[in-house]
């Protein structure tokens, strides 16, 4: 299967921005509105990257990351973003093992230029 990513979050407008950037880079991103939905997609076909909105409903990031890594033969990159005013949430995401964590504004600014790297097949440690 062609490398693809999963975007975990329920913001349809922001997802359209992520999927549009991915499509322009030659990749696909599927949306999961819940952690359970993301894990269901993972069992169908492991992604190269999971993009996580840290405000996703029902998200227990540590538990989600453990289940994600257990379900994938090769651990996907995990790129997380959240509110800049929730510095502790961003710090906790780094501590939990996300490869890249940033405020939503920085994520949006980097999205177009970085999405191809994030979604590329995992052959080396993520940035």
C-alpha atoms as a PDB file:
ATOM      1  CA  UNK A   1       0.000   0.000   0.000  1.00  0.00           C
ATOM      2  CA  UNK A   2       1.096   3.556  -0.673  1.00  0.00           C
ATOM      3  CA  UNK A   3       2.466   5.300   2.425  1.00  0.00           C
ATOM      4  CA  UNK A   4      -0.269   7.216   4.162  1.00  0.00           C
ATOM      5  CA  UNK A   5      -0.929   9.023   7.405  1.00  0.00           C
ATOM      6  CA  UNK A   6      -3.678   9.247   9.955  1.00  0.00           C
ATOM      7  CA  UNK A   7      -4.853  12.549  11.396  1.00  0.00           C
ATOM      8  CA  UNK A   8      -6.401  12.070  14.821  1.00  0.00           C
ATOM      9  CA  UNK A   9      -8.792  14.919  15.595  1.00  0.00           C
ATOM     10  CA  UNK A  10     -12.346  16.008  14.996  1.00  0.00           C
ATOM     11  CA  UNK A  11     -11.734  19.441  13.421  1.00  0.00           C
ATOM     12  CA  UNK A  12     -12.948  18.961   9.826  1.00  0.00           C
ATOM     13  CA  UNK A  13     -11.662  22.314   8.607  1.00  0.00           C
ATOM     14  CA  UNK A  14      -8.171  21.693   9.959  1.00  0.00           C
ATOM     15  CA  UNK A  15      -8.244  18.132   8.599  1.00  0.00           C
ATOM     16  CA  UNK A  16      -9.019  19.468   5.128  1.00  0.00           C
ATOM     17  CA  UNK A  17      -5.905  21.624   5.373  1.00  0.00           C
ATOM     18  CA  UNK A  18      -3.792  18.608   6.416  1.00  0.00           C
ATOM     19  CA  UNK A  19      -5.223  16.334   3.729  1.00  0.00           C
ATOM     20  CA  UNK A  20      -4.872  19.014   1.043  1.00  0.00           C
ATOM     21  CA  UNK A  21      -1.195  19.527   1.900  1.00  0.00           C
ATOM     22  CA  UNK A  22      -0.646  15.766   1.890  1.00  0.00           C
ATOM     23  CA  UNK A  23      -2.396  15.364  -1.464  1.00  0.00           C
ATOM     24  CA  UNK A  24      -0.269  18.152  -2.961  1.00  0.00           C
ATOM     25  CA  UNK A  25       2.840  16.268  -1.777  1.00  0.00           C
ATOM     26  CA  UNK A  26       1.594  13.001  -3.325  1.00  0.00           C
ATOM     27  CA  UNK A  27       0.370  11.334  -0.126  1.00  0.00           C
ATOM     28  CA  UNK A  28      -2.950  10.540   1.518  1.00  0.00           C
ATOM     29  CA  UNK A  29      -4.151  11.161   5.046  1.00  0.00           C
ATOM     30  CA  UNK A  30      -7.201   9.525   6.582  1.00  0.00           C
ATOM     31  CA  UNK A  31      -9.076  11.166   9.427  1.00  0.00           C
ATOM     32  CA  UNK A  32      -9.863   9.434  12.702  1.00  0.00           C
ATOM     33  CA  UNK A  33     -12.132  11.383  15.009  1.00  0.00           C
ATOM     34  CA  UNK A  34     -11.228   9.292  18.067  1.00  0.00           C
ATOM     35  CA  UNK A  35      -8.277   7.257  19.346  1.00  0.00           C
ATOM     36  CA  UNK A  36     -10.309   4.057  18.827  1.00  0.00           C
ATOM     37  CA  UNK A  37     -10.981   5.106  15.228  1.00  0.00           C
ATOM     38  CA  UNK A  38      -7.271   5.714  14.646  1.00  0.00           C
ATOM     39  CA  UNK A  39      -6.375   2.304  16.064  1.00  0.00           C
ATOM     40  CA  UNK A  40      -8.989   0.679  13.828  1.00  0.00           C
ATOM     41  CA  UNK A  41      -7.354   2.300  10.777  1.00  0.00           C
ATOM     42  CA  UNK A  42      -3.938   1.120  11.977  1.00  0.00           C
ATOM     43  CA  UNK A  43      -5.123  -2.489  12.054  1.00  0.00           C
ATOM     44  CA  UNK A  44      -6.288  -2.180   8.426  1.00  0.00           C
ATOM     45  CA  UNK A  45      -2.923  -0.859   7.265  1.00  0.00           C
ATOM     46  CA  UNK A  46      -0.085   0.619   9.343  1.00  0.00           C
ATOM     47  CA  UNK A  47       0.547   4.307   8.594  1.00  0.00           C
ATOM     48  CA  UNK A  48       3.919   5.982   8.227  1.00  0.00           C
ATOM     49  CA  UNK A  49       2.787   8.893  10.403  1.00  0.00           C
ATOM     50  CA  UNK A  50       0.059   9.722  12.873  1.00  0.00           C
ATOM     51  CA  UNK A  51      -0.726  13.411  13.299  1.00  0.00           C
ATOM     52  CA  UNK A  52      -2.339  13.983  16.688  1.00  0.00           C
ATOM     53  CA  UNK A  53      -4.446  16.929  17.784  1.00  0.00           C
ATOM     54  CA  UNK A  54      -3.710  16.925  21.511  1.00  0.00           C
ATOM     55  CA  UNK A  55      -7.259  18.187  22.130  1.00  0.00           C
ATOM     56  CA  UNK A  56      -8.829  15.167  20.399  1.00  0.00           C
ATOM     57  CA  UNK A  57     -11.851  13.921  22.362  1.00  0.00           C
ATOM     58  CA  UNK A  58     -11.100  10.941  24.602  1.00  0.00           C
ATOM     59  CA  UNK A  59      -7.345  11.057  24.038  1.00  0.00           C
ATOM     60  CA  UNK A  60      -5.126   9.449  26.667  1.00  0.00           C
ATOM     61  CA  UNK A  61      -1.894  10.044  24.785  1.00  0.00           C
ATOM     62  CA  UNK A  62       0.319   7.638  26.727  1.00  0.00           C
ATOM     63  CA  UNK A  63      -2.163   4.784  26.316  1.00  0.00           C
ATOM     64  CA  UNK A  64      -2.779   5.644  22.661  1.00  0.00           C
ATOM     65  CA  UNK A  65       0.947   5.664  21.843  1.00  0.00           C
ATOM     66  CA  UNK A  66       1.472   2.307  23.550  1.00  0.00           C
ATOM     67  CA  UNK A  67      -1.401   0.735  21.599  1.00  0.00           C
ATOM     68  CA  UNK A  68      -0.223   2.358  18.366  1.00  0.00           C
ATOM     69  CA  UNK A  69       3.314   1.015  18.685  1.00  0.00           C
ATOM     70  CA  UNK A  70       2.033  -2.437  19.649  1.00  0.00           C
ATOM     71  CA  UNK A  71      -0.211  -2.544  16.564  1.00  0.00           C
ATOM     72  CA  UNK A  72       2.427  -1.478  14.025  1.00  0.00           C
ATOM     73  CA  UNK A  73       5.314  -3.639  12.821  1.00  0.00           C
ATOM     74  CA  UNK A  74       7.312  -0.424  12.283  1.00  0.00           C
ATOM     75  CA  UNK A  75       6.488   2.410  14.652  1.00  0.00           C
ATOM     76  CA  UNK A  76       5.052   5.352  12.711  1.00  0.00           C
ATOM     77  CA  UNK A  77       6.236   8.888  13.279  1.00  0.00           C
ATOM     78  CA  UNK A  78       3.969  10.751  15.659  1.00  0.00           C
ATOM     79  CA  UNK A  79       3.564  14.473  15.080  1.00  0.00           C
ATOM     80  CA  UNK A  80       1.461  16.232  17.716  1.00  0.00           C
ATOM     81  CA  UNK A  81       0.123  19.742  17.979  1.00  0.00           C
ATOM     82  CA  UNK A  82      -1.913  21.621  20.529  1.00  0.00           C
ATOM     83  CA  UNK A  83      -2.749  24.988  21.976  1.00  0.00           C
ATOM     84  CA  UNK A  84       0.240  27.217  22.697  1.00  0.00           C
ATOM     85  CA  UNK A  85      -1.321  28.181  26.030  1.00  0.00           C
ATOM     86  CA  UNK A  86      -1.264  24.552  27.188  1.00  0.00           C
ATOM     87  CA  UNK A  87       2.499  24.317  27.607  1.00  0.00           C
ATOM     88  CA  UNK A  88       2.190  21.400  30.056  1.00  0.00           C
ATOM     89  CA  UNK A  89       0.207  19.391  27.505  1.00  0.00           C
ATOM     90  CA  UNK A  90       2.885  19.991  24.872  1.00  0.00           C
ATOM     91  CA  UNK A  91       5.612  19.055  27.354  1.00  0.00           C
ATOM     92  CA  UNK A  92       3.738  15.877  28.339  1.00  0.00           C
ATOM     93  CA  UNK A  93       3.421  14.898  24.658  1.00  0.00           C
ATOM     94  CA  UNK A  94       7.192  15.164  24.249  1.00  0.00           C
ATOM     95  CA  UNK A  95       7.700  13.080  27.381  1.00  0.00           C
ATOM     96  CA  UNK A  96       5.187  10.480  26.150  1.00  0.00           C
ATOM     97  CA  UNK A  97       7.300   9.831  23.059  1.00  0.00           C
ATOM     98  CA  UNK A  98       5.908  11.933  20.219  1.00  0.00           C
ATOM     99  CA  UNK A  99       8.559  12.530  17.552  1.00  0.00           C
ATOM    100  CA  UNK A 100       7.573  16.145  16.968  1.00  0.00           C
ATOM    101  CA  UNK A 101       5.401  18.354  19.190  1.00  0.00           C
ATOM    102  CA  UNK A 102       4.488  21.936  18.470  1.00  0.00           C
ATOM    103  CA  UNK A 103       1.856  24.604  19.003  1.00  0.00           C
ATOM    104  CA  UNK A 104      -0.958  24.579  16.445  1.00  0.00           C
ATOM    105  CA  UNK A 105       0.277  27.811  14.845  1.00  0.00           C
ATOM    106  CA  UNK A 106       3.755  26.372  14.223  1.00  0.00           C
ATOM    107  CA  UNK A 107       2.233  23.131  12.950  1.00  0.00           C
ATOM    108  CA  UNK A 108       0.115  25.091  10.468  1.00  0.00           C
ATOM    109  CA  UNK A 109       3.137  27.132   9.361  1.00  0.00           C
ATOM    110  CA  UNK A 110       5.323  24.015   8.842  1.00  0.00           C
ATOM    111  CA  UNK A 111       2.618  21.755   7.412  1.00  0.00           C
ATOM    112  CA  UNK A 112       3.059  22.354   3.689  1.00  0.00           C
ATOM    113  CA  UNK A 113       6.849  22.136   3.749  1.00  0.00           C
ATOM    114  CA  UNK A 114       7.157  19.205   6.166  1.00  0.00           C
ATOM    115  CA  UNK A 115       4.236  16.893   5.372  1.00  0.00           C
ATOM    116  CA  UNK A 116       6.186  14.928   2.742  1.00  0.00           C
ATOM    117  CA  UNK A 117       8.956  14.171   5.286  1.00  0.00           C
ATOM    118  CA  UNK A 118       6.432  13.198   7.929  1.00  0.00           C
ATOM    119  CA  UNK A 119       4.544  10.841   5.607  1.00  0.00           C
ATOM    120  CA  UNK A 120       7.563   9.307   3.852  1.00  0.00           C
ATOM    121  CA  UNK A 121       8.243   5.639   4.596  1.00  0.00           C
ATOM    122  CA  UNK A 122       9.933   5.191   7.958  1.00  0.00           C
ATOM    123  CA  UNK A 123      13.534   4.164   7.324  1.00  0.00           C
ATOM    124  CA  UNK A 124      15.377   6.363   9.811  1.00  0.00           C
ATOM    125  CA  UNK A 125      14.518   8.053  13.110  1.00  0.00           C
ATOM    126  CA  UNK A 126      11.938  10.801  12.744  1.00  0.00           C
ATOM    127  CA  UNK A 127      13.009  14.427  12.959  1.00  0.00           C
END
